[in-house]
């Protein structure tokens, strides 16, 4: 058997069984095939939120279990709908949505309109920082004691932790710096609006605690799913914005990933 024959056999094997099947690995990666008439749902329980790894809509393989007629349709063909799935699901403890949606017709892909489609969603339940042993006291911050993790506005909405009355506090030690990165799950809904200059839907604010510090720095919604927002070696507070009684369709969900790094000054000589 030559390498070309092996590659073809392996590709067929992937299409028909293991490579696209639903599974659950040690790091809690889950994969779901959702027929066009079904509903995708996920429940990550306490201290976790849904994080979409991949979402595709189309015809990714034979044997999907959806009992649809492949006919002579091109295979594989699909559209990347990750941003749509994130707007519907990511950042929540539990969620559900259907693959039938008028907005999905606008997603570019290489499937013709006559092709019957199904959805393939890969996700994981991401642990988020919640300071379970700590209690929020008005006008007192909660010190983040983990060196890395995720802050979730879902925790703020449910428990008040991280709000303006009970913000998260980072206190880098000597030789340490803290990096903050925004994961924005609302990009799909209003991407055009977000890209306009001088427009800021405030997700959170960063407050530097050293004397003579500048005004709070806003973390704004934008047209990028992931972006760096802060790198600091001094104490800061993160004040998450609460969304009150907004309808579920209007609420934004996001994570702020934090990571503490060690840094060293090198003496380059006299």
C-alpha atoms as a PDB file:
ATOM      1  CA  UNK A   1       0.000   0.000   0.000  1.00  0.00           C
ATOM      2  CA  UNK A   2       1.473   3.348  -0.994  1.00  0.00           C
ATOM      3  CA  UNK A   3       1.074   6.618   0.948  1.00  0.00           C
ATOM      4  CA  UNK A   4      -1.677   7.892  -1.384  1.00  0.00           C
ATOM      5  CA  UNK A   5      -3.784   4.767  -0.832  1.00  0.00           C
ATOM      6  CA  UNK A   6      -3.265   4.977   2.917  1.00  0.00           C
ATOM      7  CA  UNK A   7      -4.345   8.645   2.959  1.00  0.00           C
ATOM      8  CA  UNK A   8      -7.562   7.852   1.054  1.00  0.00           C
ATOM      9  CA  UNK A   9      -8.421   4.942   3.385  1.00  0.00           C
ATOM     10  CA  UNK A  10      -7.735   7.070   6.472  1.00  0.00           C
ATOM     11  CA  UNK A  11      -9.903   9.916   5.107  1.00  0.00           C
ATOM     12  CA  UNK A  12     -12.820   7.533   4.473  1.00  0.00           C
ATOM     13  CA  UNK A  13     -12.372   6.087   7.971  1.00  0.00           C
ATOM     14  CA  UNK A  14     -12.563   9.598   9.430  1.00  0.00           C
ATOM     15  CA  UNK A  15     -15.708  10.450   7.529  1.00  0.00           C
ATOM     16  CA  UNK A  16     -17.523   7.342   8.659  1.00  0.00           C
ATOM     17  CA  UNK A  17     -16.602   6.873  12.302  1.00  0.00           C
ATOM     18  CA  UNK A  18     -14.033   8.106  14.783  1.00  0.00           C
ATOM     19  CA  UNK A  19     -12.749  11.459  13.640  1.00  0.00           C
ATOM     20  CA  UNK A  20     -16.088  13.255  13.741  1.00  0.00           C
ATOM     21  CA  UNK A  21     -17.983  11.165  16.277  1.00  0.00           C
ATOM     22  CA  UNK A  22     -19.380  12.457  19.570  1.00  0.00           C
ATOM     23  CA  UNK A  23     -16.885  11.899  22.346  1.00  0.00           C
ATOM     24  CA  UNK A  24     -15.730  13.064  25.750  1.00  0.00           C
ATOM     25  CA  UNK A  25     -12.014  13.322  26.476  1.00  0.00           C
ATOM     26  CA  UNK A  26     -10.263  13.963  29.814  1.00  0.00           C
ATOM     27  CA  UNK A  27     -10.212  17.741  29.231  1.00  0.00           C
ATOM     28  CA  UNK A  28     -14.006  17.699  28.865  1.00  0.00           C
ATOM     29  CA  UNK A  29     -14.166  18.246  25.105  1.00  0.00           C
ATOM     30  CA  UNK A  30     -17.611  17.251  23.838  1.00  0.00           C
ATOM     31  CA  UNK A  31     -18.888  16.854  20.296  1.00  0.00           C
ATOM     32  CA  UNK A  32     -22.516  16.837  19.175  1.00  0.00           C
ATOM     33  CA  UNK A  33     -24.124  16.112  15.830  1.00  0.00           C
ATOM     34  CA  UNK A  34     -27.402  18.044  15.598  1.00  0.00           C
ATOM     35  CA  UNK A  35     -29.908  17.275  12.871  1.00  0.00           C
ATOM     36  CA  UNK A  36     -31.697  20.195  11.258  1.00  0.00           C
ATOM     37  CA  UNK A  37     -34.921  19.391  13.145  1.00  0.00           C
ATOM     38  CA  UNK A  38     -33.187  18.969  16.526  1.00  0.00           C
ATOM     39  CA  UNK A  39     -32.029  21.373  19.247  1.00  0.00           C
ATOM     40  CA  UNK A  40     -28.465  21.691  20.476  1.00  0.00           C
ATOM     41  CA  UNK A  41     -28.301  21.955  24.255  1.00  0.00           C
ATOM     42  CA  UNK A  42     -25.472  22.047  26.779  1.00  0.00           C
ATOM     43  CA  UNK A  43     -25.425  22.139  30.581  1.00  0.00           C
ATOM     44  CA  UNK A  44     -22.112  22.738  32.333  1.00  0.00           C
ATOM     45  CA  UNK A  45     -23.380  22.985  35.907  1.00  0.00           C
ATOM     46  CA  UNK A  46     -21.887  25.159  38.634  1.00  0.00           C
ATOM     47  CA  UNK A  47     -18.558  27.007  38.321  1.00  0.00           C
ATOM     48  CA  UNK A  48     -18.359  26.254  34.595  1.00  0.00           C
ATOM     49  CA  UNK A  49     -19.562  27.929  31.411  1.00  0.00           C
ATOM     50  CA  UNK A  50     -19.932  26.739  27.831  1.00  0.00           C
ATOM     51  CA  UNK A  51     -16.962  27.464  25.563  1.00  0.00           C
ATOM     52  CA  UNK A  52     -17.463  26.732  21.854  1.00  0.00           C
ATOM     53  CA  UNK A  53     -14.407  25.123  20.256  1.00  0.00           C
ATOM     54  CA  UNK A  54     -15.861  24.656  16.771  1.00  0.00           C
ATOM     55  CA  UNK A  55     -19.261  24.844  15.085  1.00  0.00           C
ATOM     56  CA  UNK A  56     -19.943  23.793  11.494  1.00  0.00           C
ATOM     57  CA  UNK A  57     -23.137  23.682   9.454  1.00  0.00           C
ATOM     58  CA  UNK A  58     -23.330  21.578   6.316  1.00  0.00           C
ATOM     59  CA  UNK A  59     -22.495  18.038   5.254  1.00  0.00           C
ATOM     60  CA  UNK A  60     -19.288  16.972   6.986  1.00  0.00           C
ATOM     61  CA  UNK A  61     -19.567  13.177   6.589  1.00  0.00           C
ATOM     62  CA  UNK A  62     -21.755  10.195   5.781  1.00  0.00           C
ATOM     63  CA  UNK A  63     -23.420   8.373   8.641  1.00  0.00           C
ATOM     64  CA  UNK A  64     -24.425  11.449  10.592  1.00  0.00           C
ATOM     65  CA  UNK A  65     -27.408   9.628  12.052  1.00  0.00           C
ATOM     66  CA  UNK A  66     -29.756  12.321  10.737  1.00  0.00           C
ATOM     67  CA  UNK A  67     -31.371  10.058   8.108  1.00  0.00           C
ATOM     68  CA  UNK A  68     -30.986  12.582   5.320  1.00  0.00           C
ATOM     69  CA  UNK A  69     -30.648  11.831   1.641  1.00  0.00           C
ATOM     70  CA  UNK A  70     -27.114  12.563   0.476  1.00  0.00           C
ATOM     71  CA  UNK A  71     -27.973  12.060  -3.162  1.00  0.00           C
ATOM     72  CA  UNK A  72     -25.207  13.364  -5.403  1.00  0.00           C
ATOM     73  CA  UNK A  73     -24.412  16.325  -3.164  1.00  0.00           C
ATOM     74  CA  UNK A  74     -20.814  17.439  -2.802  1.00  0.00           C
ATOM     75  CA  UNK A  75     -19.068  16.056   0.292  1.00  0.00           C
ATOM     76  CA  UNK A  76     -17.739  17.497   2.445  1.00  0.00           C
ATOM     77  CA  UNK A  77     -19.240  20.993   2.331  1.00  0.00           C
ATOM     78  CA  UNK A  78     -19.832  23.264   5.298  1.00  0.00           C
ATOM     79  CA  UNK A  79     -19.883  26.786   6.737  1.00  0.00           C
ATOM     80  CA  UNK A  80     -18.094  27.951   9.873  1.00  0.00           C
ATOM     81  CA  UNK A  81     -20.804  29.144  12.304  1.00  0.00           C
ATOM     82  CA  UNK A  82     -18.684  29.446  15.438  1.00  0.00           C
ATOM     83  CA  UNK A  83     -19.445  33.126  16.037  1.00  0.00           C
ATOM     84  CA  UNK A  84     -23.168  32.449  15.673  1.00  0.00           C
ATOM     85  CA  UNK A  85     -22.986  29.526  18.128  1.00  0.00           C
ATOM     86  CA  UNK A  86     -21.024  31.655  20.588  1.00  0.00           C
ATOM     87  CA  UNK A  87     -23.638  34.405  20.474  1.00  0.00           C
ATOM     88  CA  UNK A  88     -26.290  31.812  21.300  1.00  0.00           C
ATOM     89  CA  UNK A  89     -24.398  29.733  23.849  1.00  0.00           C
ATOM     90  CA  UNK A  90     -20.897  30.685  24.983  1.00  0.00           C
ATOM     91  CA  UNK A  91     -20.308  32.140  28.436  1.00  0.00           C
ATOM     92  CA  UNK A  92     -23.522  30.675  29.858  1.00  0.00           C
ATOM     93  CA  UNK A  93     -23.845  27.811  32.306  1.00  0.00           C
ATOM     94  CA  UNK A  94     -26.476  26.211  30.087  1.00  0.00           C
ATOM     95  CA  UNK A  95     -27.935  27.032  26.686  1.00  0.00           C
ATOM     96  CA  UNK A  96     -29.829  25.705  23.692  1.00  0.00           C
ATOM     97  CA  UNK A  97     -30.430  26.730  20.085  1.00  0.00           C
ATOM     98  CA  UNK A  98     -31.645  25.282  16.801  1.00  0.00           C
ATOM     99  CA  UNK A  99     -29.639  25.047  13.577  1.00  0.00           C
ATOM    100  CA  UNK A 100     -32.576  26.624  11.711  1.00  0.00           C
ATOM    101  CA  UNK A 101     -32.102  30.391  11.725  1.00  0.00           C
ATOM    102  CA  UNK A 102     -32.501  33.001   8.979  1.00  0.00           C
ATOM    103  CA  UNK A 103     -29.168  34.552   9.962  1.00  0.00           C
ATOM    104  CA  UNK A 104     -27.342  31.341   9.084  1.00  0.00           C
ATOM    105  CA  UNK A 105     -28.299  31.828   5.444  1.00  0.00           C
ATOM    106  CA  UNK A 106     -25.873  34.754   5.425  1.00  0.00           C
ATOM    107  CA  UNK A 107     -22.877  32.647   6.494  1.00  0.00           C
ATOM    108  CA  UNK A 108     -20.563  31.966   3.557  1.00  0.00           C
ATOM    109  CA  UNK A 109     -20.009  28.296   2.784  1.00  0.00           C
ATOM    110  CA  UNK A 110     -19.571  25.894  -0.117  1.00  0.00           C
ATOM    111  CA  UNK A 111     -22.857  23.959   0.240  1.00  0.00           C
ATOM    112  CA  UNK A 112     -25.532  24.616  -2.335  1.00  0.00           C
ATOM    113  CA  UNK A 113     -28.949  25.674  -1.025  1.00  0.00           C
ATOM    114  CA  UNK A 114     -30.517  22.363  -2.044  1.00  0.00           C
ATOM    115  CA  UNK A 115     -28.212  20.376   0.257  1.00  0.00           C
ATOM    116  CA  UNK A 116     -29.812  19.093   3.451  1.00  0.00           C
ATOM    117  CA  UNK A 117     -27.525  20.079   6.295  1.00  0.00           C
ATOM    118  CA  UNK A 118     -26.759  19.173   9.890  1.00  0.00           C
ATOM    119  CA  UNK A 119     -24.699  20.881  12.578  1.00  0.00           C
ATOM    120  CA  UNK A 120     -21.512  19.659  14.234  1.00  0.00           C
ATOM    121  CA  UNK A 121     -20.677  21.462  17.498  1.00  0.00           C
ATOM    122  CA  UNK A 122     -17.565  20.897  19.578  1.00  0.00           C
ATOM    123  CA  UNK A 123     -17.508  22.535  23.006  1.00  0.00           C
ATOM    124  CA  UNK A 124     -16.130  22.222  26.497  1.00  0.00           C
ATOM    125  CA  UNK A 125     -17.236  23.191  29.969  1.00  0.00           C
ATOM    126  CA  UNK A 126     -14.723  25.836  31.032  1.00  0.00           C
ATOM    127  CA  UNK A 127     -14.119  26.330  34.757  1.00  0.00           C
ATOM    128  CA  UNK A 128     -14.385  30.000  35.791  1.00  0.00           C
ATOM    129  CA  UNK A 129     -13.067  31.799  38.868  1.00  0.00           C
ATOM    130  CA  UNK A 130     -15.758  32.305  41.489  1.00  0.00           C
ATOM    131  CA  UNK A 131     -13.956  32.682  44.858  1.00  0.00           C
ATOM    132  CA  UNK A 132     -16.314  30.180  46.465  1.00  0.00           C
ATOM    133  CA  UNK A 133     -14.863  30.666  49.948  1.00  0.00           C
ATOM    134  CA  UNK A 134     -15.163  34.454  49.781  1.00  0.00           C
ATOM    135  CA  UNK A 135     -18.170  36.664  50.520  1.00  0.00           C
ATOM    136  CA  UNK A 136     -18.859  39.958  48.781  1.00  0.00           C
ATOM    137  CA  UNK A 137     -18.860  42.952  51.105  1.00  0.00           C
ATOM    138  CA  UNK A 138     -19.960  46.321  49.746  1.00  0.00           C
ATOM    139  CA  UNK A 139     -17.051  48.500  48.604  1.00  0.00           C
ATOM    140  CA  UNK A 140     -14.494  45.781  49.309  1.00  0.00           C
ATOM    141  CA  UNK A 141     -12.655  43.984  46.551  1.00  0.00           C
ATOM    142  CA  UNK A 142     -12.049  40.248  46.217  1.00  0.00           C
ATOM    143  CA  UNK A 143      -8.387  39.327  45.737  1.00  0.00           C
ATOM    144  CA  UNK A 144      -7.841  36.827  42.905  1.00  0.00           C
ATOM    145  CA  UNK A 145      -5.614  34.126  44.387  1.00  0.00           C
ATOM    146  CA  UNK A 146      -5.185  31.905  41.309  1.00  0.00           C
ATOM    147  CA  UNK A 147      -2.255  32.470  38.962  1.00  0.00           C
ATOM    148  CA  UNK A 148      -4.396  31.836  35.886  1.00  0.00           C
ATOM    149  CA  UNK A 149      -8.030  31.334  34.983  1.00  0.00           C
ATOM    150  CA  UNK A 150     -11.137  33.054  33.638  1.00  0.00           C
ATOM    151  CA  UNK A 151     -13.388  35.781  34.998  1.00  0.00           C
ATOM    152  CA  UNK A 152     -16.983  35.434  33.813  1.00  0.00           C
ATOM    153  CA  UNK A 153     -19.691  38.083  33.739  1.00  0.00           C
ATOM    154  CA  UNK A 154     -22.147  35.236  34.427  1.00  0.00           C
ATOM    155  CA  UNK A 155     -20.619  34.947  37.924  1.00  0.00           C
ATOM    156  CA  UNK A 156     -21.024  38.709  38.371  1.00  0.00           C
ATOM    157  CA  UNK A 157     -24.662  38.635  37.270  1.00  0.00           C
ATOM    158  CA  UNK A 158     -25.529  35.717  39.555  1.00  0.00           C
ATOM    159  CA  UNK A 159     -23.434  36.416  42.661  1.00  0.00           C
ATOM    160  CA  UNK A 160     -22.394  40.079  42.452  1.00  0.00           C
ATOM    161  CA  UNK A 161     -18.725  39.086  42.574  1.00  0.00           C
ATOM    162  CA  UNK A 162     -16.662  41.307  40.310  1.00  0.00           C
ATOM    163  CA  UNK A 163     -19.233  44.121  40.206  1.00  0.00           C
ATOM    164  CA  UNK A 164     -18.439  47.782  40.891  1.00  0.00           C
ATOM    165  CA  UNK A 165     -19.413  47.206  44.548  1.00  0.00           C
ATOM    166  CA  UNK A 166     -17.275  44.095  44.919  1.00  0.00           C
ATOM    167  CA  UNK A 167     -14.584  44.153  42.191  1.00  0.00           C
ATOM    168  CA  UNK A 168     -11.886  41.606  41.436  1.00  0.00           C
ATOM    169  CA  UNK A 169      -8.419  42.667  42.615  1.00  0.00           C
ATOM    170  CA  UNK A 170      -5.075  41.558  41.199  1.00  0.00           C
ATOM    171  CA  UNK A 171      -1.963  42.136  43.306  1.00  0.00           C
ATOM    172  CA  UNK A 172       1.130  41.042  41.355  1.00  0.00           C
ATOM    173  CA  UNK A 173       4.049  40.134  43.584  1.00  0.00           C
ATOM    174  CA  UNK A 174       7.619  41.252  43.074  1.00  0.00           C
ATOM    175  CA  UNK A 175       8.843  40.158  39.678  1.00  0.00           C
ATOM    176  CA  UNK A 176       5.318  39.357  38.448  1.00  0.00           C
ATOM    177  CA  UNK A 177       3.038  40.791  35.803  1.00  0.00           C
ATOM    178  CA  UNK A 178      -0.640  40.070  35.097  1.00  0.00           C
ATOM    179  CA  UNK A 179      -1.998  39.794  31.554  1.00  0.00           C
ATOM    180  CA  UNK A 180      -5.727  40.155  30.787  1.00  0.00           C
ATOM    181  CA  UNK A 181      -7.327  38.977  27.519  1.00  0.00           C
ATOM    182  CA  UNK A 182     -10.973  39.513  26.523  1.00  0.00           C
ATOM    183  CA  UNK A 183     -12.964  36.670  24.937  1.00  0.00           C
ATOM    184  CA  UNK A 184     -15.990  38.398  23.416  1.00  0.00           C
ATOM    185  CA  UNK A 185     -18.953  36.153  22.574  1.00  0.00           C
ATOM    186  CA  UNK A 186     -21.190  38.917  21.233  1.00  0.00           C
ATOM    187  CA  UNK A 187     -19.296  39.619  18.014  1.00  0.00           C
ATOM    188  CA  UNK A 188     -21.851  37.894  15.746  1.00  0.00           C
ATOM    189  CA  UNK A 189     -24.895  39.981  16.656  1.00  0.00           C
ATOM    190  CA  UNK A 190     -23.747  43.536  16.095  1.00  0.00           C
ATOM    191  CA  UNK A 191     -20.350  43.391  14.459  1.00  0.00           C
ATOM    192  CA  UNK A 192     -21.032  46.376  12.204  1.00  0.00           C
ATOM    193  CA  UNK A 193     -22.159  48.527  15.113  1.00  0.00           C
ATOM    194  CA  UNK A 194     -19.150  47.542  17.215  1.00  0.00           C
ATOM    195  CA  UNK A 195     -16.640  48.546  14.554  1.00  0.00           C
ATOM    196  CA  UNK A 196     -17.812  52.143  14.461  1.00  0.00           C
ATOM    197  CA  UNK A 197     -15.342  54.646  15.926  1.00  0.00           C
ATOM    198  CA  UNK A 198     -16.143  56.268  19.280  1.00  0.00           C
ATOM    199  CA  UNK A 199     -18.704  53.537  20.085  1.00  0.00           C
ATOM    200  CA  UNK A 200     -18.126  51.606  23.312  1.00  0.00           C
ATOM    201  CA  UNK A 201     -20.421  49.100  24.937  1.00  0.00           C
ATOM    202  CA  UNK A 202     -18.606  48.793  28.258  1.00  0.00           C
ATOM    203  CA  UNK A 203     -18.084  45.234  29.466  1.00  0.00           C
ATOM    204  CA  UNK A 204     -15.798  46.125  32.372  1.00  0.00           C
ATOM    205  CA  UNK A 205     -13.417  48.767  33.680  1.00  0.00           C
ATOM    206  CA  UNK A 206      -9.835  48.466  34.891  1.00  0.00           C
ATOM    207  CA  UNK A 207      -8.847  50.607  37.859  1.00  0.00           C
ATOM    208  CA  UNK A 208      -5.177  51.126  38.703  1.00  0.00           C
ATOM    209  CA  UNK A 209      -4.673  51.429  42.455  1.00  0.00           C
ATOM    210  CA  UNK A 210      -1.305  53.155  42.687  1.00  0.00           C
ATOM    211  CA  UNK A 211      -1.276  56.874  43.708  1.00  0.00           C
ATOM    212  CA  UNK A 212      -1.847  59.429  40.952  1.00  0.00           C
ATOM    213  CA  UNK A 213      -3.218  56.760  38.608  1.00  0.00           C
ATOM    214  CA  UNK A 214      -5.284  57.690  35.581  1.00  0.00           C
ATOM    215  CA  UNK A 215      -9.038  57.324  35.238  1.00  0.00           C
ATOM    216  CA  UNK A 216     -10.589  53.885  34.870  1.00  0.00           C
ATOM    217  CA  UNK A 217      -9.822  52.160  31.573  1.00  0.00           C
ATOM    218  CA  UNK A 218     -12.938  50.746  29.838  1.00  0.00           C
ATOM    219  CA  UNK A 219     -12.981  47.296  28.268  1.00  0.00           C
ATOM    220  CA  UNK A 220     -15.284  47.713  25.280  1.00  0.00           C
ATOM    221  CA  UNK A 221     -17.145  45.300  23.059  1.00  0.00           C
ATOM    222  CA  UNK A 222     -15.543  45.135  19.645  1.00  0.00           C
ATOM    223  CA  UNK A 223     -15.421  43.305  16.340  1.00  0.00           C
ATOM    224  CA  UNK A 224     -12.712  40.855  17.444  1.00  0.00           C
ATOM    225  CA  UNK A 225     -13.463  37.628  19.284  1.00  0.00           C
ATOM    226  CA  UNK A 226     -10.236  37.743  21.295  1.00  0.00           C
ATOM    227  CA  UNK A 227      -7.952  40.635  22.146  1.00  0.00           C
ATOM    228  CA  UNK A 228      -5.363  41.680  24.706  1.00  0.00           C
ATOM    229  CA  UNK A 229      -6.638  44.371  27.098  1.00  0.00           C
ATOM    230  CA  UNK A 230      -4.090  44.819  29.879  1.00  0.00           C
ATOM    231  CA  UNK A 231      -0.575  43.984  31.047  1.00  0.00           C
ATOM    232  CA  UNK A 232       0.415  45.282  34.481  1.00  0.00           C
ATOM    233  CA  UNK A 233       2.955  44.783  37.261  1.00  0.00           C
ATOM    234  CA  UNK A 234       0.973  46.940  39.727  1.00  0.00           C
ATOM    235  CA  UNK A 235      -2.267  46.324  41.626  1.00  0.00           C
ATOM    236  CA  UNK A 236      -5.516  46.741  39.683  1.00  0.00           C
ATOM    237  CA  UNK A 237      -9.215  46.126  40.129  1.00  0.00           C
ATOM    238  CA  UNK A 238     -11.549  44.760  37.445  1.00  0.00           C
ATOM    239  CA  UNK A 239     -15.129  46.059  37.694  1.00  0.00           C
ATOM    240  CA  UNK A 240     -17.545  44.030  35.564  1.00  0.00           C
ATOM    241  CA  UNK A 241     -20.641  45.771  34.189  1.00  0.00           C
ATOM    242  CA  UNK A 242     -23.984  44.276  35.207  1.00  0.00           C
ATOM    243  CA  UNK A 243     -26.765  44.176  32.625  1.00  0.00           C
ATOM    244  CA  UNK A 244     -29.788  44.277  34.900  1.00  0.00           C
ATOM    245  CA  UNK A 245     -33.111  43.429  33.307  1.00  0.00           C
ATOM    246  CA  UNK A 246     -31.981  43.313  29.685  1.00  0.00           C
ATOM    247  CA  UNK A 247     -33.663  40.624  27.619  1.00  0.00           C
ATOM    248  CA  UNK A 248     -31.662  37.426  27.011  1.00  0.00           C
ATOM    249  CA  UNK A 249     -31.327  38.366  23.340  1.00  0.00           C
ATOM    250  CA  UNK A 250     -29.651  41.679  24.215  1.00  0.00           C
ATOM    251  CA  UNK A 251     -27.336  40.444  26.957  1.00  0.00           C
ATOM    252  CA  UNK A 252     -23.657  40.107  26.171  1.00  0.00           C
ATOM    253  CA  UNK A 253     -21.511  37.279  27.501  1.00  0.00           C
ATOM    254  CA  UNK A 254     -17.750  37.327  27.783  1.00  0.00           C
ATOM    255  CA  UNK A 255     -14.746  35.986  29.661  1.00  0.00           C
ATOM    256  CA  UNK A 256     -11.590  37.734  30.770  1.00  0.00           C
ATOM    257  CA  UNK A 257      -8.658  35.344  30.787  1.00  0.00           C
ATOM    258  CA  UNK A 258      -5.954  36.193  33.323  1.00  0.00           C
ATOM    259  CA  UNK A 259      -2.411  34.904  33.544  1.00  0.00           C
ATOM    260  CA  UNK A 260       0.350  35.771  36.002  1.00  0.00           C
ATOM    261  CA  UNK A 261       3.877  35.711  34.577  1.00  0.00           C
ATOM    262  CA  UNK A 262       7.323  35.969  36.124  1.00  0.00           C
ATOM    263  CA  UNK A 263       9.725  38.414  34.558  1.00  0.00           C
ATOM    264  CA  UNK A 264      13.419  39.066  35.122  1.00  0.00           C
ATOM    265  CA  UNK A 265      15.548  42.137  34.550  1.00  0.00           C
ATOM    266  CA  UNK A 266      18.859  41.343  32.879  1.00  0.00           C
ATOM    267  CA  UNK A 267      21.998  43.367  33.489  1.00  0.00           C
ATOM    268  CA  UNK A 268      23.443  43.890  30.053  1.00  0.00           C
ATOM    269  CA  UNK A 269      26.725  45.168  31.437  1.00  0.00           C
ATOM    270  CA  UNK A 270      28.227  48.510  32.292  1.00  0.00           C
END
